[in-house]
Amino acid sequence: MLRTITVGTISVQGMFEGNTADGKMVVRVDNRLYKGRPVDRKS
């Protein structure tokens, strides 16, 4: 599932990998993992 997170002041969109204990989300872009705050989804 494609998800968007914010890392500092930038947004990163990638494949969802999981959630961390502190409420952050991990996404994968190519071979790199990024951890950040999830962006609220609009209905």
PDB file of N, CA and C in Angstrom:
ATOM      1  N   MET A   1       0.844  -1.161   0.000  1.00  0.00           N
ATOM      2  CA  MET A   1       0.000   0.000   0.000  1.00  0.00           C
ATOM      3  C   MET A   1       0.903   1.243   0.000  1.00  0.00           C
ATOM      4  N   LEU A   2       0.625   2.163  -0.853  1.00  0.00           N
ATOM      5  CA  LEU A   2       1.391   3.403  -0.967  1.00  0.00           C
ATOM      6  C   LEU A   2       0.954   4.371   0.123  1.00  0.00           C
ATOM      7  N   ARG A   3       1.925   4.903   0.884  1.00  0.00           N
ATOM      8  CA  ARG A   3       1.615   5.834   1.967  1.00  0.00           C
ATOM      9  C   ARG A   3       2.547   7.036   1.901  1.00  0.00           C
ATOM     10  N   THR A   4       2.107   8.154   2.480  1.00  0.00           N
ATOM     11  CA  THR A   4       2.890   9.381   2.508  1.00  0.00           C
ATOM     12  C   THR A   4       3.194   9.741   3.954  1.00  0.00           C
ATOM     13  N   ILE A   5       4.465  10.105   4.207  1.00  0.00           N
ATOM     14  CA  ILE A   5       4.886  10.542   5.536  1.00  0.00           C
ATOM     15  C   ILE A   5       5.626  11.862   5.401  1.00  0.00           C
ATOM     16  N   THR A   6       5.776  12.569   6.516  1.00  0.00           N
ATOM     17  CA  THR A   6       6.611  13.760   6.529  1.00  0.00           C
ATOM     18  C   THR A   6       7.853  13.467   7.360  1.00  0.00           C
ATOM     19  N   VAL A   7       9.000  13.829   6.793  1.00  0.00           N
ATOM     20  CA  VAL A   7      10.288  13.695   7.472  1.00  0.00           C
ATOM     21  C   VAL A   7      10.865  15.100   7.544  1.00  0.00           C
ATOM     22  N   GLY A   8      10.800  15.692   8.719  1.00  0.00           N
ATOM     23  CA  GLY A   8      11.199  17.096   8.844  1.00  0.00           C
ATOM     24  C   GLY A   8      10.211  17.960   8.086  1.00  0.00           C
ATOM     25  N   THR A   9      10.707  18.651   7.043  1.00  0.00           N
ATOM     26  CA  THR A   9       9.834  19.523   6.253  1.00  0.00           C
ATOM     27  C   THR A   9       9.496  18.955   4.882  1.00  0.00           C
ATOM     28  N   ILE A  10       9.966  17.739   4.581  1.00  0.00           N
ATOM     29  CA  ILE A  10       9.681  17.148   3.267  1.00  0.00           C
ATOM     30  C   ILE A  10       8.691  16.001   3.398  1.00  0.00           C
ATOM     31  N   SER A  11       8.004  15.695   2.306  1.00  0.00           N
ATOM     32  CA  SER A  11       7.091  14.560   2.248  1.00  0.00           C
ATOM     33  C   SER A  11       7.745  13.442   1.451  1.00  0.00           C
ATOM     34  N   VAL A  12       7.537  12.217   1.911  1.00  0.00           N
ATOM     35  CA  VAL A  12       8.073  11.034   1.243  1.00  0.00           C
ATOM     36  C   VAL A  12       6.924  10.076   1.000  1.00  0.00           C
ATOM     37  N   GLN A  13       6.820   9.586  -0.246  1.00  0.00           N
ATOM     38  CA  GLN A  13       5.762   8.634  -0.586  1.00  0.00           C
ATOM     39  C   GLN A  13       6.416   7.321  -0.969  1.00  0.00           C
ATOM     40  N   GLY A  14       5.971   6.240  -0.345  1.00  0.00           N
ATOM     41  CA  GLY A  14       6.555   4.937  -0.632  1.00  0.00           C
ATOM     42  C   GLY A  14       5.655   3.814  -0.153  1.00  0.00           C
ATOM     43  N   MET A  15       6.163   2.592  -0.272  1.00  0.00           N
ATOM     44  CA  MET A  15       5.405   1.416   0.137  1.00  0.00           C
ATOM     45  C   MET A  15       5.442   1.278   1.660  1.00  0.00           C
ATOM     46  N   PHE A  16       4.288   1.040   2.250  1.00  0.00           N
ATOM     47  CA  PHE A  16       4.161   0.910   3.700  1.00  0.00           C
ATOM     48  C   PHE A  16       4.932  -0.314   4.184  1.00  0.00           C
ATOM     49  N   GLU A  17       5.786  -0.123   5.210  1.00  0.00           N
ATOM     50  CA  GLU A  17       6.551  -1.216   5.801  1.00  0.00           C
ATOM     51  C   GLU A  17       6.090  -1.544   7.211  1.00  0.00           C
ATOM     52  N   GLY A  18       5.626  -0.549   7.964  1.00  0.00           N
ATOM     53  CA  GLY A  18       5.169  -0.816   9.324  1.00  0.00           C
ATOM     54  C   GLY A  18       5.094   0.451  10.150  1.00  0.00           C
ATOM     55  N   ASN A  19       4.667   0.266  11.402  1.00  0.00           N
ATOM     56  CA  ASN A  19       4.581   1.360  12.364  1.00  0.00           C
ATOM     57  C   ASN A  19       5.596   1.130  13.472  1.00  0.00           C
ATOM     58  N   THR A  20       6.044   2.216  14.103  1.00  0.00           N
ATOM     59  CA  THR A  20       6.967   2.108  15.223  1.00  0.00           C
ATOM     60  C   THR A  20       6.203   2.340  16.521  1.00  0.00           C
ATOM     61  N   ALA A  21       6.830   2.004  17.636  1.00  0.00           N
ATOM     62  CA  ALA A  21       6.182   2.147  18.942  1.00  0.00           C
ATOM     63  C   ALA A  21       5.878   3.596  19.292  1.00  0.00           C
ATOM     64  N   ASP A  22       6.634   4.537  18.706  1.00  0.00           N
ATOM     65  CA  ASP A  22       6.419   5.956  19.021  1.00  0.00           C
ATOM     66  C   ASP A  22       5.396   6.627  18.103  1.00  0.00           C
ATOM     67  N   GLY A  23       4.671   5.850  17.318  1.00  0.00           N
ATOM     68  CA  GLY A  23       3.602   6.393  16.476  1.00  0.00           C
ATOM     69  C   GLY A  23       4.029   6.817  15.095  1.00  0.00           C
ATOM     70  N   LYS A  24       5.289   6.617  14.737  1.00  0.00           N
ATOM     71  CA  LYS A  24       5.756   6.968  13.406  1.00  0.00           C
ATOM     72  C   LYS A  24       5.529   5.806  12.447  1.00  0.00           C
ATOM     73  N   MET A  25       5.655   6.086  11.159  1.00  0.00           N
ATOM     74  CA  MET A  25       5.430   5.093  10.117  1.00  0.00           C
ATOM     75  C   MET A  25       6.707   4.923   9.310  1.00  0.00           C
ATOM     76  N   VAL A  26       6.933   3.715   8.819  1.00  0.00           N
ATOM     77  CA  VAL A  26       8.110   3.414   8.002  1.00  0.00           C
ATOM     78  C   VAL A  26       7.632   3.079   6.591  1.00  0.00           C
ATOM     79  N   VAL A  27       8.233   3.744   5.580  1.00  0.00           N
ATOM     80  CA  VAL A  27       7.929   3.452   4.176  1.00  0.00           C
ATOM     81  C   VAL A  27       9.232   3.134   3.445  1.00  0.00           C
ATOM     82  N   ARG A  28       9.119   2.359   2.370  1.00  0.00           N
ATOM     83  CA  ARG A  28      10.277   1.974   1.562  1.00  0.00           C
ATOM     84  C   ARG A  28      10.201   2.656   0.204  1.00  0.00           C
ATOM     85  N   VAL A  29      11.311   3.287  -0.191  1.00  0.00           N
ATOM     86  CA  VAL A  29      11.470   3.863  -1.527  1.00  0.00           C
ATOM     87  C   VAL A  29      12.721   3.224  -2.107  1.00  0.00           C
ATOM     88  N   ASP A  30      12.547   2.394  -3.143  1.00  0.00           N
ATOM     89  CA  ASP A  30      13.631   1.577  -3.696  1.00  0.00           C
ATOM     90  C   ASP A  30      14.232   0.738  -2.571  1.00  0.00           C
ATOM     91  N   ASN A  31      15.493   0.918  -2.242  1.00  0.00           N
ATOM     92  CA  ASN A  31      16.135   0.126  -1.189  1.00  0.00           C
ATOM     93  C   ASN A  31      16.288   0.896   0.116  1.00  0.00           C
ATOM     94  N   ARG A  32      15.691   2.074   0.212  1.00  0.00           N
ATOM     95  CA  ARG A  32      15.854   2.910   1.407  1.00  0.00           C
ATOM     96  C   ARG A  32      14.584   2.915   2.244  1.00  0.00           C
ATOM     97  N   LEU A  33      14.756   2.937   3.560  1.00  0.00           N
ATOM     98  CA  LEU A  33      13.637   3.043   4.487  1.00  0.00           C
ATOM     99  C   LEU A  33      13.621   4.444   5.085  1.00  0.00           C
ATOM    100  N   TYR A  34      12.426   5.014   5.192  1.00  0.00           N
ATOM    101  CA  TYR A  34      12.244   6.330   5.780  1.00  0.00           C
ATOM    102  C   TYR A  34      11.239   6.214   6.919  1.00  0.00           C
ATOM    103  N   LYS A  35      11.515   6.915   8.036  1.00  0.00           N
ATOM    104  CA  LYS A  35      10.615   6.917   9.184  1.00  0.00           C
ATOM    105  C   LYS A  35      10.159   8.344   9.424  1.00  0.00           C
ATOM    106  N   GLY A  36       8.839   8.532   9.545  1.00  0.00           N
ATOM    107  CA  GLY A  36       8.320   9.861   9.787  1.00  0.00           C
ATOM    108  C   GLY A  36       6.870   9.814  10.239  1.00  0.00           C
ATOM    109  N   ARG A  37       6.283  10.971  10.356  1.00  0.00           N
ATOM    110  CA  ARG A  37       4.891  11.085  10.792  1.00  0.00           C
ATOM    111  C   ARG A  37       3.945  10.874   9.607  1.00  0.00           C
ATOM    112  N   PRO A  38       2.911  10.045   9.783  1.00  0.00           N
ATOM    113  CA  PRO A  38       1.970   9.817   8.682  1.00  0.00           C
ATOM    114  C   PRO A  38       1.173  11.067   8.341  1.00  0.00           C
ATOM    115  N   VAL A  39       0.900  11.242   7.054  1.00  0.00           N
ATOM    116  CA  VAL A  39       0.056  12.345   6.586  1.00  0.00           C
ATOM    117  C   VAL A  39      -1.388  11.891   6.665  1.00  0.00           C
ATOM    118  N   ASP A  40      -2.261  12.745   7.197  1.00  0.00           N
ATOM    119  CA  ASP A  40      -3.690  12.413   7.302  1.00  0.00           C
ATOM    120  C   ASP A  40      -4.271  12.206   5.917  1.00  0.00           C
ATOM    121  N   ARG A  41      -5.064  11.123   5.795  1.00  0.00           N
ATOM    122  CA  ARG A  41      -5.716  10.849   4.516  1.00  0.00           C
ATOM    123  C   ARG A  41      -7.032  11.618   4.426  1.00  0.00           C
ATOM    124  N   LYS A  42      -7.293  12.186   3.248  1.00  0.00           N
ATOM    125  CA  LYS A  42      -8.539  12.914   3.000  1.00  0.00           C
ATOM    126  C   LYS A  42      -9.549  11.945   2.400  1.00  0.00           C
ATOM    127  N   SER A  43     -10.814  12.084   2.782  1.00  0.00           N
ATOM    128  CA  SER A  43     -11.864  11.203   2.262  1.00  0.00           C
ATOM    129  C   SER A  43     -12.410  11.740   0.964  1.00  0.00           C
TER     130      SER A  43
END
